[in-house]
Amino acid sequence: MTDSPPIDDVPIGGDGIRLGQFVKYAGLLDSGGDVKEAIIDGYVTVNGEVDRRRGRQLQIDDVVGFGERRVRVRP
């Protein structure tokens, strides 16, 4: 049995943020172009499911994944 990677909390200082913004803000990817491609290509998950909408509005406690990293939206 393998352990799941830890989920890091990333405070956003508000109630919500868009997926594309959060991926970059959380440091999962460095450039906006890379973020756009990763989301469109289906490499980014929200709460365990692929979401190809960069403009998706995330809510507090949503978990975004890319590769082995998982980050949780926190207020």
C-alpha atoms as a PDB file:
ATOM      1  CA  MET A   1       0.000   0.000   0.000  1.00  0.00           C
ATOM      2  CA  THR A   2       1.366   3.416  -0.949  1.00  0.00           C
ATOM      3  CA  ASP A   3       0.780   6.556   1.017  1.00  0.00           C
ATOM      4  CA  SER A   4      -0.899   9.467  -0.716  1.00  0.00           C
ATOM      5  CA  PRO A   5       1.272  12.543  -1.097  1.00  0.00           C
ATOM      6  CA  PRO A   6       0.587  15.201   1.524  1.00  0.00           C
ATOM      7  CA  ILE A   7      -1.800  18.026   0.722  1.00  0.00           C
ATOM      8  CA  ASP A   8      -0.325  21.479   1.258  1.00  0.00           C
ATOM      9  CA  ASP A   9      -2.610  24.327   2.327  1.00  0.00           C
ATOM     10  CA  VAL A  10      -2.304  27.533   0.292  1.00  0.00           C
ATOM     11  CA  PRO A  11      -4.047  30.589   1.768  1.00  0.00           C
ATOM     12  CA  ILE A  12      -5.525  32.908  -0.838  1.00  0.00           C
ATOM     13  CA  GLY A  13      -6.696  35.702   1.449  1.00  0.00           C
ATOM     14  CA  GLY A  14     -10.256  35.651   0.154  1.00  0.00           C
ATOM     15  CA  ASP A  15     -13.241  33.524  -0.734  1.00  0.00           C
ATOM     16  CA  GLY A  16     -12.325  32.244  -4.178  1.00  0.00           C
ATOM     17  CA  ILE A  17      -9.802  32.190  -7.006  1.00  0.00           C
ATOM     18  CA  ARG A  18      -9.797  30.915 -10.582  1.00  0.00           C
ATOM     19  CA  LEU A  19      -8.086  27.611 -11.364  1.00  0.00           C
ATOM     20  CA  GLY A  20      -5.453  29.060 -13.701  1.00  0.00           C
ATOM     21  CA  GLN A  21      -4.518  31.759 -11.218  1.00  0.00           C
ATOM     22  CA  PHE A  22      -4.318  29.309  -8.340  1.00  0.00           C
ATOM     23  CA  VAL A  23      -2.058  26.819 -10.156  1.00  0.00           C
ATOM     24  CA  LYS A  24       0.484  29.591 -10.709  1.00  0.00           C
ATOM     25  CA  TYR A  25      -0.034  31.235  -7.288  1.00  0.00           C
ATOM     26  CA  ALA A  26       0.459  27.908  -5.492  1.00  0.00           C
ATOM     27  CA  GLY A  27       3.717  27.338  -7.368  1.00  0.00           C
ATOM     28  CA  LEU A  28       2.598  24.201  -9.182  1.00  0.00           C
ATOM     29  CA  LEU A  29       3.807  25.798 -12.432  1.00  0.00           C
ATOM     30  CA  ASP A  30       5.800  28.967 -13.029  1.00  0.00           C
ATOM     31  CA  SER A  31       4.465  30.509 -16.235  1.00  0.00           C
ATOM     32  CA  GLY A  32       0.977  31.357 -17.384  1.00  0.00           C
ATOM     33  CA  GLY A  33       1.619  29.586 -20.691  1.00  0.00           C
ATOM     34  CA  ASP A  34       2.590  26.372 -18.931  1.00  0.00           C
ATOM     35  CA  VAL A  35      -0.502  26.634 -16.718  1.00  0.00           C
ATOM     36  CA  LYS A  36      -2.772  27.079 -19.731  1.00  0.00           C
ATOM     37  CA  GLU A  37      -1.278  24.064 -21.540  1.00  0.00           C
ATOM     38  CA  ALA A  38      -1.338  21.810 -18.466  1.00  0.00           C
ATOM     39  CA  ILE A  39      -5.000  22.572 -17.795  1.00  0.00           C
ATOM     40  CA  ILE A  40      -6.086  22.205 -21.430  1.00  0.00           C
ATOM     41  CA  ASP A  41      -4.127  18.937 -21.767  1.00  0.00           C
ATOM     42  CA  GLY A  42      -5.877  17.482 -18.697  1.00  0.00           C
ATOM     43  CA  TYR A  43      -2.896  17.329 -16.333  1.00  0.00           C
ATOM     44  CA  VAL A  44      -4.598  19.359 -13.583  1.00  0.00           C
ATOM     45  CA  THR A  45      -7.252  17.926 -11.281  1.00  0.00           C
ATOM     46  CA  VAL A  46      -9.757  19.568  -8.966  1.00  0.00           C
ATOM     47  CA  ASN A  47     -10.991  17.357  -6.135  1.00  0.00           C
ATOM     48  CA  GLY A  48      -9.604  14.304  -7.946  1.00  0.00           C
ATOM     49  CA  GLU A  49     -11.213  14.977 -11.336  1.00  0.00           C
ATOM     50  CA  VAL A  50      -9.670  16.481 -14.461  1.00  0.00           C
ATOM     51  CA  ASP A  51     -10.955  19.981 -15.144  1.00  0.00           C
ATOM     52  CA  ARG A  52      -9.953  21.744 -18.350  1.00  0.00           C
ATOM     53  CA  ARG A  53     -11.490  25.132 -17.456  1.00  0.00           C
ATOM     54  CA  ARG A  54      -8.813  27.681 -16.531  1.00  0.00           C
ATOM     55  CA  GLY A  55     -11.557  30.052 -15.413  1.00  0.00           C
ATOM     56  CA  ARG A  56     -13.224  27.595 -13.050  1.00  0.00           C
ATOM     57  CA  GLN A  57     -13.956  29.367  -9.783  1.00  0.00           C
ATOM     58  CA  LEU A  58     -12.375  27.416  -6.949  1.00  0.00           C
ATOM     59  CA  GLN A  59     -13.874  27.390  -3.491  1.00  0.00           C
ATOM     60  CA  ILE A  60     -12.297  27.117  -0.059  1.00  0.00           C
ATOM     61  CA  ASP A  61     -11.170  23.510   0.624  1.00  0.00           C
ATOM     62  CA  ASP A  62     -10.998  22.522  -3.082  1.00  0.00           C
ATOM     63  CA  VAL A  63      -7.909  20.375  -3.709  1.00  0.00           C
ATOM     64  CA  VAL A  64      -5.937  21.013  -6.891  1.00  0.00           C
ATOM     65  CA  GLY A  65      -3.464  18.448  -8.163  1.00  0.00           C
ATOM     66  CA  PHE A  66      -0.640  18.506 -10.689  1.00  0.00           C
ATOM     67  CA  GLY A  67       1.805  15.644 -10.955  1.00  0.00           C
ATOM     68  CA  GLU A  68       2.497  14.327  -7.478  1.00  0.00           C
ATOM     69  CA  ARG A  69       1.584  17.592  -5.736  1.00  0.00           C
ATOM     70  CA  ARG A  70      -1.751  18.377  -4.120  1.00  0.00           C
ATOM     71  CA  VAL A  71      -2.671  21.796  -2.744  1.00  0.00           C
ATOM     72  CA  ARG A  72      -5.799  22.875  -0.877  1.00  0.00           C
ATOM     73  CA  VAL A  73      -7.420  26.297  -1.247  1.00  0.00           C
ATOM     74  CA  ARG A  74      -7.559  27.953   2.157  1.00  0.00           C
ATOM     75  CA  PRO A  75      -8.935  31.367   3.190  1.00  0.00           C
END
